[in-house]
Amino acid sequence: MHSQLYLSGRLAADPEFSQTKKGNLIVKLLLETQFVRETTQGNFQSETVILPINFFSREAEAVRNCQRGDALTVGCHLYGTEFRTPEGIAKRSTQIVADQVLQVVARQKEAYDGLRTR
C-alpha cells in the first residue's frame, strides 16, 4: 500500500545535503506547516509542526537552492523501515520521501529591507 501526501509550508531551516553511496544528491528539508484537528464537535485547533522531508535525484535538484523561509508544496509518500539495535531489538521508523516538487516560492524580502530612514 502506498500513502500519498501533499504538504505545503515554509522551510524552517536551510537544506542539509548528503549523498547516496553512488554519489547521488540527497536533500533533507524541514517543512513548517499547520496541523489542524477537531477538538470538539465544530471546534478546531491549529498547531505548528515541523516535518523532515527527504528528497532524492530529480526532486533533490529541484530544491537544492531553497533557503529558510521559502514556501514549498510537495507531493510525497511515507516510507517505513525496520532495523535492529545492537541489543537485537527490532525498531521501526517512518520517513517522508518527496515524489514531486509542485511549487517553490522564494521568501519575499521586506519592501524597505536594508534601507535607512532619516
PDB file of N, CA and C in Angstrom:
ATOM      1  N   MET A   1       0.849  -1.180   0.000  1.00  0.00           N
ATOM      2  CA  MET A   1       0.000   0.000   0.000  1.00  0.00           C
ATOM      3  C   MET A   1       0.890   1.238   0.000  1.00  0.00           C
ATOM      4  N   HIS A   2       0.504   2.234  -0.756  1.00  0.00           N
ATOM      5  CA  HIS A   2       1.307   3.442  -0.941  1.00  0.00           C
ATOM      6  C   HIS A   2       0.519   4.648  -0.429  1.00  0.00           C
ATOM      7  N   SER A   3       1.051   5.383   0.531  1.00  0.00           N
ATOM      8  CA  SER A   3       0.397   6.571   1.075  1.00  0.00           C
ATOM      9  C   SER A   3       0.899   7.800   0.345  1.00  0.00           C
ATOM     10  N   GLN A   4      -0.006   8.560  -0.276  1.00  0.00           N
ATOM     11  CA  GLN A   4       0.382   9.786  -0.978  1.00  0.00           C
ATOM     12  C   GLN A   4      -0.043  10.987  -0.151  1.00  0.00           C
ATOM     13  N   LEU A   5       0.897  11.896   0.087  1.00  0.00           N
ATOM     14  CA  LEU A   5       0.646  13.108   0.858  1.00  0.00           C
ATOM     15  C   LEU A   5       0.961  14.322   0.003  1.00  0.00           C
ATOM     16  N   TYR A   6       0.253  15.405   0.237  1.00  0.00           N
ATOM     17  CA  TYR A   6       0.589  16.693  -0.367  1.00  0.00           C
ATOM     18  C   TYR A   6       0.755  17.663   0.781  1.00  0.00           C
ATOM     19  N   LEU A   7       1.954  18.224   0.910  1.00  0.00           N
ATOM     20  CA  LEU A   7       2.275  19.103   2.029  1.00  0.00           C
ATOM     21  C   LEU A   7       2.683  20.475   1.517  1.00  0.00           C
ATOM     22  N   SER A   8       2.247  21.507   2.230  1.00  0.00           N
ATOM     23  CA  SER A   8       2.641  22.884   1.925  1.00  0.00           C
ATOM     24  C   SER A   8       3.086  23.553   3.203  1.00  0.00           C
ATOM     25  N   GLY A   9       4.070  24.428   3.069  1.00  0.00           N
ATOM     26  CA  GLY A   9       4.540  25.168   4.225  1.00  0.00           C
ATOM     27  C   GLY A   9       5.766  25.970   3.877  1.00  0.00           C
ATOM     28  N   ARG A  10       6.462  26.441   4.904  1.00  0.00           N
ATOM     29  CA  ARG A  10       7.693  27.212   4.738  1.00  0.00           C
ATOM     30  C   ARG A  10       8.856  26.428   5.324  1.00  0.00           C
ATOM     31  N   LEU A  11      10.034  26.629   4.752  1.00  0.00           N
ATOM     32  CA  LEU A  11      11.211  25.932   5.255  1.00  0.00           C
ATOM     33  C   LEU A  11      11.627  26.523   6.596  1.00  0.00           C
ATOM     34  N   ALA A  12      11.794  25.666   7.577  1.00  0.00           N
ATOM     35  CA  ALA A  12      12.164  26.088   8.927  1.00  0.00           C
ATOM     36  C   ALA A  12      13.667  26.271   9.074  1.00  0.00           C
ATOM     37  N   ALA A  13      14.441  25.744   8.117  1.00  0.00           N
ATOM     38  CA  ALA A  13      15.906  25.833   8.159  1.00  0.00           C
ATOM     39  C   ALA A  13      16.433  25.681   6.738  1.00  0.00           C
ATOM     40  N   ASP A  14      17.689  26.046   6.543  1.00  0.00           N
ATOM     41  CA  ASP A  14      18.320  25.817   5.246  1.00  0.00           C
ATOM     42  C   ASP A  14      18.460  24.312   5.016  1.00  0.00           C
ATOM     43  N   PRO A  15      18.539  23.882   3.748  1.00  0.00           N
ATOM     44  CA  PRO A  15      18.647  22.456   3.442  1.00  0.00           C
ATOM     45  C   PRO A  15      19.916  21.814   4.000  1.00  0.00           C
ATOM     46  N   GLU A  16      19.830  20.515   4.270  1.00  0.00           N
ATOM     47  CA  GLU A  16      21.004  19.706   4.619  1.00  0.00           C
ATOM     48  C   GLU A  16      21.283  18.802   3.424  1.00  0.00           C
ATOM     49  N   PHE A  17      22.563  18.712   3.041  1.00  0.00           N
ATOM     50  CA  PHE A  17      22.945  17.945   1.862  1.00  0.00           C
ATOM     51  C   PHE A  17      23.770  16.721   2.255  1.00  0.00           C
ATOM     52  N   SER A  18      23.539  15.623   1.530  1.00  0.00           N
ATOM     53  CA  SER A  18      24.375  14.429   1.648  1.00  0.00           C
ATOM     54  C   SER A  18      24.309  13.707   0.305  1.00  0.00           C
ATOM     55  N   GLN A  19      24.925  12.530   0.244  1.00  0.00           N
ATOM     56  CA  GLN A  19      24.957  11.764  -0.995  1.00  0.00           C
ATOM     57  C   GLN A  19      24.676  10.292  -0.711  1.00  0.00           C
ATOM     58  N   THR A  20      24.140   9.620  -1.724  1.00  0.00           N
ATOM     59  CA  THR A  20      23.986   8.175  -1.634  1.00  0.00           C
ATOM     60  C   THR A  20      25.362   7.541  -1.845  1.00  0.00           C
ATOM     61  N   LYS A  21      25.471   6.246  -1.669  1.00  0.00           N
ATOM     62  CA  LYS A  21      26.743   5.547  -1.905  1.00  0.00           C
ATOM     63  C   LYS A  21      27.211   5.688  -3.346  1.00  0.00           C
ATOM     64  N   LYS A  22      26.264   5.886  -4.267  1.00  0.00           N
ATOM     65  CA  LYS A  22      26.611   6.071  -5.682  1.00  0.00           C
ATOM     66  C   LYS A  22      26.879   7.535  -6.037  1.00  0.00           C
ATOM     67  N   GLY A  23      26.832   8.417  -5.050  1.00  0.00           N
ATOM     68  CA  GLY A  23      27.139   9.818  -5.285  1.00  0.00           C
ATOM     69  C   GLY A  23      25.963  10.687  -5.687  1.00  0.00           C
ATOM     70  N   ASN A  24      24.742  10.164  -5.640  1.00  0.00           N
ATOM     71  CA  ASN A  24      23.563  10.956  -5.981  1.00  0.00           C
ATOM     72  C   ASN A  24      23.194  11.882  -4.825  1.00  0.00           C
ATOM     73  N   LEU A  25      22.674  13.048  -5.168  1.00  0.00           N
ATOM     74  CA  LEU A  25      22.339  14.068  -4.184  1.00  0.00           C
ATOM     75  C   LEU A  25      21.129  13.667  -3.344  1.00  0.00           C
ATOM     76  N   ILE A  26      21.231  13.931  -2.034  1.00  0.00           N
ATOM     77  CA  ILE A  26      20.116  13.807  -1.097  1.00  0.00           C
ATOM     78  C   ILE A  26      19.976  15.162  -0.413  1.00  0.00           C
ATOM     79  N   VAL A  27      18.752  15.682  -0.349  1.00  0.00           N
ATOM     80  CA  VAL A  27      18.484  16.936   0.345  1.00  0.00           C
ATOM     81  C   VAL A  27      17.436  16.663   1.415  1.00  0.00           C
ATOM     82  N   LYS A  28      17.706  17.113   2.639  1.00  0.00           N
ATOM     83  CA  LYS A  28      16.745  16.993   3.733  1.00  0.00           C
ATOM     84  C   LYS A  28      16.268  18.402   4.082  1.00  0.00           C
ATOM     85  N   LEU A  29      14.939  18.588   4.030  1.00  0.00           N
ATOM     86  CA  LEU A  29      14.343  19.874   4.380  1.00  0.00           C
ATOM     87  C   LEU A  29      13.438  19.709   5.584  1.00  0.00           C
ATOM     88  N   LEU A  30      13.356  20.772   6.379  1.00  0.00           N
ATOM     89  CA  LEU A  30      12.418  20.808   7.493  1.00  0.00           C
ATOM     90  C   LEU A  30      11.287  21.753   7.100  1.00  0.00           C
ATOM     91  N   LEU A  31      10.097  21.199   6.893  1.00  0.00           N
ATOM     92  CA  LEU A  31       8.937  21.971   6.436  1.00  0.00           C
ATOM     93  C   LEU A  31       8.055  22.319   7.628  1.00  0.00           C
ATOM     94  N   GLU A  32       7.859  23.619   7.827  1.00  0.00           N
ATOM     95  CA  GLU A  32       6.983  24.096   8.898  1.00  0.00           C
ATOM     96  C   GLU A  32       5.591  24.286   8.316  1.00  0.00           C
ATOM     97  N   THR A  33       4.609  23.617   8.904  1.00  0.00           N
ATOM     98  CA  THR A  33       3.249  23.670   8.389  1.00  0.00           C
ATOM     99  C   THR A  33       2.270  23.654   9.563  1.00  0.00           C
ATOM    100  N   GLN A  34       1.003  23.738   9.259  1.00  0.00           N
ATOM    101  CA  GLN A  34      -0.029  23.739  10.295  1.00  0.00           C
ATOM    102  C   GLN A  34      -0.761  22.405  10.315  1.00  0.00           C
ATOM    103  N   PHE A  35      -0.923  21.866  11.495  1.00  0.00           N
ATOM    104  CA  PHE A  35      -1.700  20.659  11.721  1.00  0.00           C
ATOM    105  C   PHE A  35      -3.007  21.102  12.362  1.00  0.00           C
ATOM    106  N   VAL A  36      -4.123  20.804  11.716  1.00  0.00           N
ATOM    107  CA  VAL A  36      -5.434  21.226  12.228  1.00  0.00           C
ATOM    108  C   VAL A  36      -6.204  19.978  12.626  1.00  0.00           C
ATOM    109  N   ARG A  37      -6.755  20.016  13.835  1.00  0.00           N
ATOM    110  CA  ARG A  37      -7.542  18.875  14.296  1.00  0.00           C
ATOM    111  C   ARG A  37      -8.784  19.368  15.022  1.00  0.00           C
ATOM    112  N   GLU A  38      -9.796  18.530  14.996  1.00  0.00           N
ATOM    113  CA  GLU A  38     -11.043  18.860  15.670  1.00  0.00           C
ATOM    114  C   GLU A  38     -10.891  18.543  17.153  1.00  0.00           C
ATOM    115  N   THR A  39     -11.183  19.506  18.026  1.00  0.00           N
ATOM    116  CA  THR A  39     -11.077  19.295  19.466  1.00  0.00           C
ATOM    117  C   THR A  39     -12.423  18.857  20.042  1.00  0.00           C
ATOM    118  N   THR A  40     -13.462  19.522  19.650  1.00  0.00           N
ATOM    119  CA  THR A  40     -14.828  19.137  19.988  1.00  0.00           C
ATOM    120  C   THR A  40     -15.648  19.338  18.727  1.00  0.00           C
ATOM    121  N   GLN A  41     -16.828  18.835  18.732  1.00  0.00           N
ATOM    122  CA  GLN A  41     -17.636  18.910  17.512  1.00  0.00           C
ATOM    123  C   GLN A  41     -17.784  20.365  17.066  1.00  0.00           C
ATOM    124  N   GLY A  42     -17.265  20.661  15.883  1.00  0.00           N
ATOM    125  CA  GLY A  42     -17.366  22.002  15.310  1.00  0.00           C
ATOM    126  C   GLY A  42     -16.258  22.954  15.713  1.00  0.00           C
ATOM    127  N   ASN A  43     -15.378  22.558  16.630  1.00  0.00           N
ATOM    128  CA  ASN A  43     -14.269  23.410  17.055  1.00  0.00           C
ATOM    129  C   ASN A  43     -12.950  22.782  16.620  1.00  0.00           C
ATOM    130  N   PHE A  44     -12.072  23.626  16.095  1.00  0.00           N
ATOM    131  CA  PHE A  44     -10.808  23.132  15.576  1.00  0.00           C
ATOM    132  C   PHE A  44      -9.642  23.863  16.225  1.00  0.00           C
ATOM    133  N   GLN A  45      -8.534  23.173  16.331  1.00  0.00           N
ATOM    134  CA  GLN A  45      -7.316  23.740  16.899  1.00  0.00           C
ATOM    135  C   GLN A  45      -6.192  23.552  15.891  1.00  0.00           C
ATOM    136  N   SER A  46      -5.390  24.600  15.717  1.00  0.00           N
ATOM    137  CA  SER A  46      -4.263  24.555  14.791  1.00  0.00           C
ATOM    138  C   SER A  46      -2.969  24.640  15.597  1.00  0.00           C
ATOM    139  N   GLU A  47      -1.994  23.823  15.203  1.00  0.00           N
ATOM    140  CA  GLU A  47      -0.679  23.923  15.835  1.00  0.00           C
ATOM    141  C   GLU A  47       0.394  23.777  14.768  1.00  0.00           C
ATOM    142  N   THR A  48       1.510  24.439  14.994  1.00  0.00           N
ATOM    143  CA  THR A  48       2.623  24.381  14.062  1.00  0.00           C
ATOM    144  C   THR A  48       3.409  23.101  14.281  1.00  0.00           C
ATOM    145  N   VAL A  49       3.720  22.419  13.184  1.00  0.00           N
ATOM    146  CA  VAL A  49       4.553  21.219  13.239  1.00  0.00           C
ATOM    147  C   VAL A  49       5.679  21.368  12.223  1.00  0.00           C
ATOM    148  N   ILE A  50       6.811  20.746  12.518  1.00  0.00           N
ATOM    149  CA  ILE A  50       7.948  20.751  11.602  1.00  0.00           C
ATOM    150  C   ILE A  50       8.197  19.312  11.168  1.00  0.00           C
ATOM    151  N   LEU A  51       8.113  19.095   9.855  1.00  0.00           N
ATOM    152  CA  LEU A  51       8.238  17.752   9.293  1.00  0.00           C
ATOM    153  C   LEU A  51       9.523  17.625   8.486  1.00  0.00           C
ATOM    154  N   PRO A  52      10.350  16.616   8.768  1.00  0.00           N
ATOM    155  CA  PRO A  52      11.537  16.380   7.936  1.00  0.00           C
ATOM    156  C   PRO A  52      11.124  15.643   6.658  1.00  0.00           C
ATOM    157  N   ILE A  53      11.574  16.149   5.508  1.00  0.00           N
ATOM    158  CA  ILE A  53      11.255  15.521   4.226  1.00  0.00           C
ATOM    159  C   ILE A  53      12.561  15.251   3.486  1.00  0.00           C
ATOM    160  N   ASN A  54      12.703  14.047   2.940  1.00  0.00           N
ATOM    161  CA  ASN A  54      13.894  13.656   2.180  1.00  0.00           C
ATOM    162  C   ASN A  54      13.620  13.740   0.684  1.00  0.00           C
ATOM    163  N   PHE A  55      14.568  14.330  -0.045  1.00  0.00           N
ATOM    164  CA  PHE A  55      14.478  14.491  -1.490  1.00  0.00           C
ATOM    165  C   PHE A  55      15.649  13.767  -2.131  1.00  0.00           C
ATOM    166  N   PHE A  56      15.367  12.989  -3.174  1.00  0.00           N
ATOM    167  CA  PHE A  56      16.397  12.249  -3.892  1.00  0.00           C
ATOM    168  C   PHE A  56      16.357  12.624  -5.373  1.00  0.00           C
ATOM    169  N   SER A  57      17.487  12.461  -6.052  1.00  0.00           N
ATOM    170  CA  SER A  57      17.597  12.595  -7.507  1.00  0.00           C
ATOM    171  C   SER A  57      17.004  13.892  -8.042  1.00  0.00           C
ATOM    172  N   ARG A  58      16.045  13.759  -8.958  1.00  0.00           N
ATOM    173  CA  ARG A  58      15.451  14.907  -9.642  1.00  0.00           C
ATOM    174  C   ARG A  58      14.799  15.886  -8.650  1.00  0.00           C
ATOM    175  N   GLU A  59      14.116  15.360  -7.651  1.00  0.00           N
ATOM    176  CA  GLU A  59      13.471  16.218  -6.659  1.00  0.00           C
ATOM    177  C   GLU A  59      14.505  16.957  -5.817  1.00  0.00           C
ATOM    178  N   ALA A  60      15.618  16.302  -5.507  1.00  0.00           N
ATOM    179  CA  ALA A  60      16.694  16.950  -4.744  1.00  0.00           C
ATOM    180  C   ALA A  60      17.279  18.118  -5.529  1.00  0.00           C
ATOM    181  N   GLU A  61      17.468  17.936  -6.833  1.00  0.00           N
ATOM    182  CA  GLU A  61      17.986  19.018  -7.673  1.00  0.00           C
ATOM    183  C   GLU A  61      17.022  20.201  -7.703  1.00  0.00           C
ATOM    184  N   ALA A  62      15.721  19.924  -7.675  1.00  0.00           N
ATOM    185  CA  ALA A  62      14.703  20.976  -7.745  1.00  0.00           C
ATOM    186  C   ALA A  62      14.681  21.858  -6.497  1.00  0.00           C
ATOM    187  N   VAL A  63      15.141  21.339  -5.350  1.00  0.00           N
ATOM    188  CA  VAL A  63      15.079  22.118  -4.105  1.00  0.00           C
ATOM    189  C   VAL A  63      16.451  22.476  -3.545  1.00  0.00           C
ATOM    190  N   ARG A  64      17.509  22.172  -4.259  1.00  0.00           N
ATOM    191  CA  ARG A  64      18.861  22.370  -3.721  1.00  0.00           C
ATOM    192  C   ARG A  64      19.179  23.827  -3.400  1.00  0.00           C
ATOM    193  N   ASN A  65      18.548  24.785  -4.071  1.00  0.00           N
ATOM    194  CA  ASN A  65      18.825  26.201  -3.835  1.00  0.00           C
ATOM    195  C   ASN A  65      17.810  26.866  -2.911  1.00  0.00           C
ATOM    196  N   CYS A  66      16.930  26.090  -2.318  1.00  0.00           N
ATOM    197  CA  CYS A  66      15.946  26.653  -1.391  1.00  0.00           C
ATOM    198  C   CYS A  66      16.650  27.184  -0.140  1.00  0.00           C
ATOM    199  N   GLN A  67      15.996  28.144   0.494  1.00  0.00           N
ATOM    200  CA  GLN A  67      16.524  28.729   1.722  1.00  0.00           C
ATOM    201  C   GLN A  67      15.431  28.796   2.772  1.00  0.00           C
ATOM    202  N   ARG A  68      15.861  28.957   4.007  1.00  0.00           N
ATOM    203  CA  ARG A  68      14.928  29.115   5.119  1.00  0.00           C
ATOM    204  C   ARG A  68      13.931  30.220   4.776  1.00  0.00           C
ATOM    205  N   GLY A  69      12.643  29.957   5.010  1.00  0.00           N
ATOM    206  CA  GLY A  69      11.590  30.932   4.748  1.00  0.00           C
ATOM    207  C   GLY A  69      10.902  30.750   3.407  1.00  0.00           C
ATOM    208  N   ASP A  70      11.510  30.012   2.471  1.00  0.00           N
ATOM    209  CA  ASP A  70      10.877  29.761   1.180  1.00  0.00           C
ATOM    210  C   ASP A  70       9.619  28.917   1.379  1.00  0.00           C
ATOM    211  N   ALA A  71       8.611  29.172   0.541  1.00  0.00           N
ATOM    212  CA  ALA A  71       7.384  28.377   0.568  1.00  0.00           C
ATOM    213  C   ALA A  71       7.542  27.200  -0.384  1.00  0.00           C
ATOM    214  N   LEU A  72       6.972  26.062  -0.002  1.00  0.00           N
ATOM    215  CA  LEU A  72       7.141  24.839  -0.779  1.00  0.00           C
ATOM    216  C   LEU A  72       5.856  24.018  -0.722  1.00  0.00           C
ATOM    217  N   THR A  73       5.472  23.463  -1.860  1.00  0.00           N
ATOM    218  CA  THR A  73       4.397  22.472  -1.929  1.00  0.00           C
ATOM    219  C   THR A  73       4.978  21.238  -2.588  1.00  0.00           C
ATOM    220  N   VAL A  74       4.795  20.097  -1.946  1.00  0.00           N
ATOM    221  CA  VAL A  74       5.446  18.867  -2.412  1.00  0.00           C
ATOM    222  C   VAL A  74       4.497  17.680  -2.283  1.00  0.00           C
ATOM    223  N   GLY A  75       4.571  16.781  -3.270  1.00  0.00           N
ATOM    224  CA  GLY A  75       3.876  15.509  -3.190  1.00  0.00           C
ATOM    225  C   GLY A  75       4.862  14.478  -2.663  1.00  0.00           C
ATOM    226  N   CYS A  76       4.458  13.658  -1.716  1.00  0.00           N
ATOM    227  CA  CYS A  76       5.384  12.706  -1.113  1.00  0.00           C
ATOM    228  C   CYS A  76       4.651  11.461  -0.630  1.00  0.00           C
ATOM    229  N   HIS A  77       5.442  10.491  -0.175  1.00  0.00           N
ATOM    230  CA  HIS A  77       4.876   9.266   0.381  1.00  0.00           C
ATOM    231  C   HIS A  77       5.603   8.908   1.670  1.00  0.00           C
ATOM    232  N   LEU A  78       4.992   8.034   2.431  1.00  0.00           N
ATOM    233  CA  LEU A  78       5.599   7.545   3.665  1.00  0.00           C
ATOM    234  C   LEU A  78       6.396   6.291   3.355  1.00  0.00           C
ATOM    235  N   TYR A  79       7.594   6.217   3.899  1.00  0.00           N
ATOM    236  CA  TYR A  79       8.469   5.075   3.675  1.00  0.00           C
ATOM    237  C   TYR A  79       8.838   4.477   5.032  1.00  0.00           C
ATOM    238  N   GLY A  80       8.413   3.267   5.268  1.00  0.00           N
ATOM    239  CA  GLY A  80       8.678   2.612   6.543  1.00  0.00           C
ATOM    240  C   GLY A  80       9.886   1.697   6.461  1.00  0.00           C
ATOM    241  N   THR A  81      10.682   1.703   7.519  1.00  0.00           N
ATOM    242  CA  THR A  81      11.837   0.820   7.594  1.00  0.00           C
ATOM    243  C   THR A  81      11.827   0.095   8.941  1.00  0.00           C
ATOM    244  N   GLU A  82      12.513  -1.018   8.967  1.00  0.00           N
ATOM    245  CA  GLU A  82      12.693  -1.754  10.212  1.00  0.00           C
ATOM    246  C   GLU A  82      14.175  -2.068  10.366  1.00  0.00           C
ATOM    247  N   PHE A  83      14.691  -1.891  11.565  1.00  0.00           N
ATOM    248  CA  PHE A  83      16.099  -2.164  11.819  1.00  0.00           C
ATOM    249  C   PHE A  83      16.243  -2.760  13.212  1.00  0.00           C
ATOM    250  N   ARG A  84      17.413  -3.279  13.481  1.00  0.00           N
ATOM    251  CA  ARG A  84      17.695  -3.872  14.795  1.00  0.00           C
ATOM    252  C   ARG A  84      18.770  -3.060  15.509  1.00  0.00           C
ATOM    253  N   THR A  85      18.554  -2.838  16.789  1.00  0.00           N
ATOM    254  CA  THR A  85      19.537  -2.144  17.605  1.00  0.00           C
ATOM    255  C   THR A  85      20.695  -3.104  17.883  1.00  0.00           C
ATOM    256  N   PRO A  86      21.830  -2.610  18.394  1.00  0.00           N
ATOM    257  CA  PRO A  86      22.936  -3.508  18.747  1.00  0.00           C
ATOM    258  C   PRO A  86      22.526  -4.581  19.762  1.00  0.00           C
ATOM    259  N   GLU A  87      21.467  -4.290  20.527  1.00  0.00           N
ATOM    260  CA  GLU A  87      20.973  -5.270  21.502  1.00  0.00           C
ATOM    261  C   GLU A  87      20.032  -6.293  20.864  1.00  0.00           C
ATOM    262  N   GLY A  88      19.740  -6.142  19.554  1.00  0.00           N
ATOM    263  CA  GLY A  88      18.882  -7.081  18.847  1.00  0.00           C
ATOM    264  C   GLY A  88      17.402  -6.755  18.881  1.00  0.00           C
ATOM    265  N   ILE A  89      17.057  -5.584  19.402  1.00  0.00           N
ATOM    266  CA  ILE A  89      15.653  -5.192  19.481  1.00  0.00           C
ATOM    267  C   ILE A  89      15.215  -4.605  18.135  1.00  0.00           C
ATOM    268  N   ALA A  90      14.084  -5.085  17.616  1.00  0.00           N
ATOM    269  CA  ALA A  90      13.549  -4.583  16.345  1.00  0.00           C
ATOM    270  C   ALA A  90      12.883  -3.223  16.567  1.00  0.00           C
ATOM    271  N   LYS A  91      13.241  -2.257  15.737  1.00  0.00           N
ATOM    272  CA  LYS A  91      12.660  -0.909  15.795  1.00  0.00           C
ATOM    273  C   LYS A  91      12.106  -0.564  14.426  1.00  0.00           C
ATOM    274  N   ARG A  92      11.116   0.300  14.404  1.00  0.00           N
ATOM    275  CA  ARG A  92      10.528   0.761  13.150  1.00  0.00           C
ATOM    276  C   ARG A  92      10.655   2.276  13.052  1.00  0.00           C
ATOM    277  N   SER A  93      10.770   2.743  11.815  1.00  0.00           N
ATOM    278  CA  SER A  93      10.892   4.174  11.555  1.00  0.00           C
ATOM    279  C   SER A  93      10.078   4.506  10.308  1.00  0.00           C
ATOM    280  N   THR A  94       9.559   5.715  10.267  1.00  0.00           N
ATOM    281  CA  THR A  94       8.826   6.187   9.096  1.00  0.00           C
ATOM    282  C   THR A  94       9.455   7.482   8.612  1.00  0.00           C
ATOM    283  N   GLN A  95       9.709   7.567   7.311  1.00  0.00           N
ATOM    284  CA  GLN A  95      10.261   8.761   6.700  1.00  0.00           C
ATOM    285  C   GLN A  95       9.262   9.322   5.699  1.00  0.00           C
ATOM    286  N   ILE A  96       9.342  10.631   5.477  1.00  0.00           N
ATOM    287  CA  ILE A  96       8.564  11.275   4.418  1.00  0.00           C
ATOM    288  C   ILE A  96       9.518  11.487   3.254  1.00  0.00           C
ATOM    289  N   VAL A  97       9.182  10.921   2.083  1.00  0.00           N
ATOM    290  CA  VAL A  97      10.042  10.988   0.907  1.00  0.00           C
ATOM    291  C   VAL A  97       9.296  11.714  -0.210  1.00  0.00           C
ATOM    292  N   ALA A  98       9.948  12.745  -0.775  1.00  0.00           N
ATOM    293  CA  ALA A  98       9.323  13.532  -1.837  1.00  0.00           C
ATOM    294  C   ALA A  98       9.258  12.766  -3.148  1.00  0.00           C
ATOM    295  N   ASP A  99       8.114  12.837  -3.817  1.00  0.00           N
ATOM    296  CA  ASP A  99       7.923  12.252  -5.145  1.00  0.00           C
ATOM    297  C   ASP A  99       7.923  13.323  -6.228  1.00  0.00           C
ATOM    298  N   GLN A 100       7.436  14.509  -5.876  1.00  0.00           N
ATOM    299  CA  GLN A 100       7.366  15.597  -6.845  1.00  0.00           C
ATOM    300  C   GLN A 100       7.344  16.935  -6.135  1.00  0.00           C
ATOM    301  N   VAL A 101       8.012  17.904  -6.731  1.00  0.00           N
ATOM    302  CA  VAL A 101       8.007  19.266  -6.221  1.00  0.00           C
ATOM    303  C   VAL A 101       6.984  20.030  -7.046  1.00  0.00           C
ATOM    304  N   LEU A 102       5.921  20.472  -6.397  1.00  0.00           N
ATOM    305  CA  LEU A 102       4.835  21.126  -7.114  1.00  0.00           C
ATOM    306  C   LEU A 102       5.030  22.635  -7.204  1.00  0.00           C
ATOM    307  N   GLN A 103       5.618  23.244  -6.165  1.00  0.00           N
ATOM    308  CA  GLN A 103       5.802  24.688  -6.182  1.00  0.00           C
ATOM    309  C   GLN A 103       6.889  25.093  -5.197  1.00  0.00           C
ATOM    310  N   VAL A 104       7.733  26.020  -5.620  1.00  0.00           N
ATOM    311  CA  VAL A 104       8.721  26.646  -4.746  1.00  0.00           C
ATOM    312  C   VAL A 104       8.576  28.142  -4.939  1.00  0.00           C
ATOM    313  N   VAL A 105       8.380  28.874  -3.847  1.00  0.00           N
ATOM    314  CA  VAL A 105       8.266  30.326  -3.903  1.00  0.00           C
ATOM    315  C   VAL A 105       9.310  30.896  -2.961  1.00  0.00           C
ATOM    316  N   ALA A 106      10.240  31.673  -3.527  1.00  0.00           N
ATOM    317  CA  ALA A 106      11.307  32.275  -2.720  1.00  0.00           C
ATOM    318  C   ALA A 106      10.720  33.241  -1.709  1.00  0.00           C
ATOM    319  N   ARG A 107      11.357  33.288  -0.568  1.00  0.00           N
ATOM    320  CA  ARG A 107      10.957  34.194   0.514  1.00  0.00           C
ATOM    321  C   ARG A 107      10.974  35.632   0.008  1.00  0.00           C
ATOM    322  N   GLN A 108       9.971  36.387   0.352  1.00  0.00           N
ATOM    323  CA  GLN A 108       9.886  37.796  -0.050  1.00  0.00           C
ATOM    324  C   GLN A 108      10.563  38.662   1.003  1.00  0.00           C
ATOM    325  N   LYS A 109      11.476  39.503   0.543  1.00  0.00           N
ATOM    326  CA  LYS A 109      12.126  40.422   1.469  1.00  0.00           C
ATOM    327  C   LYS A 109      11.195  41.593   1.738  1.00  0.00           C
ATOM    328  N   GLU A 110      11.391  42.229   2.868  1.00  0.00           N
ATOM    329  CA  GLU A 110      10.622  43.425   3.200  1.00  0.00           C
ATOM    330  C   GLU A 110      10.847  44.476   2.120  1.00  0.00           C
ATOM    331  N   ALA A 111       9.867  45.285   1.852  1.00  0.00           N
ATOM    332  CA  ALA A 111       9.965  46.299   0.802  1.00  0.00           C
ATOM    333  C   ALA A 111      11.118  47.267   1.061  1.00  0.00           C
ATOM    334  N   TYR A 112      11.387  47.557   2.317  1.00  0.00           N
ATOM    335  CA  TYR A 112      12.450  48.509   2.644  1.00  0.00           C
ATOM    336  C   TYR A 112      13.590  47.835   3.401  1.00  0.00           C
ATOM    337  N   ASP A 113      13.761  46.573   3.219  1.00  0.00           N
ATOM    338  CA  ASP A 113      14.799  45.821   3.897  1.00  0.00           C
ATOM    339  C   ASP A 113      16.173  46.411   3.604  1.00  0.00           C
ATOM    340  N   GLY A 114      16.887  46.801   4.639  1.00  0.00           N
ATOM    341  CA  GLY A 114      18.241  47.322   4.460  1.00  0.00           C
ATOM    342  C   GLY A 114      18.328  48.824   4.209  1.00  0.00           C
ATOM    343  N   LEU A 115      17.193  49.493   4.038  1.00  0.00           N
ATOM    344  CA  LEU A 115      17.225  50.946   3.810  1.00  0.00           C
ATOM    345  C   LEU A 115      17.178  51.670   5.152  1.00  0.00           C
ATOM    346  N   ARG A 116      17.867  52.786   5.215  1.00  0.00           N
ATOM    347  CA  ARG A 116      17.851  53.604   6.422  1.00  0.00           C
ATOM    348  C   ARG A 116      16.888  54.759   6.240  1.00  0.00           C
ATOM    349  N   THR A 117      16.243  55.128   7.320  1.00  0.00           N
ATOM    350  CA  THR A 117      15.382  56.318   7.282  1.00  0.00           C
ATOM    351  C   THR A 117      16.090  57.435   8.020  1.00  0.00           C
ATOM    352  N   ARG A 118      15.828  58.648   7.598  1.00  0.00           N
ATOM    353  CA  ARG A 118      16.478  59.809   8.239  1.00  0.00           C
ATOM    354  C   ARG A 118      15.607  60.416   9.296  1.00  0.00           C
TER     355      ARG A 118
END
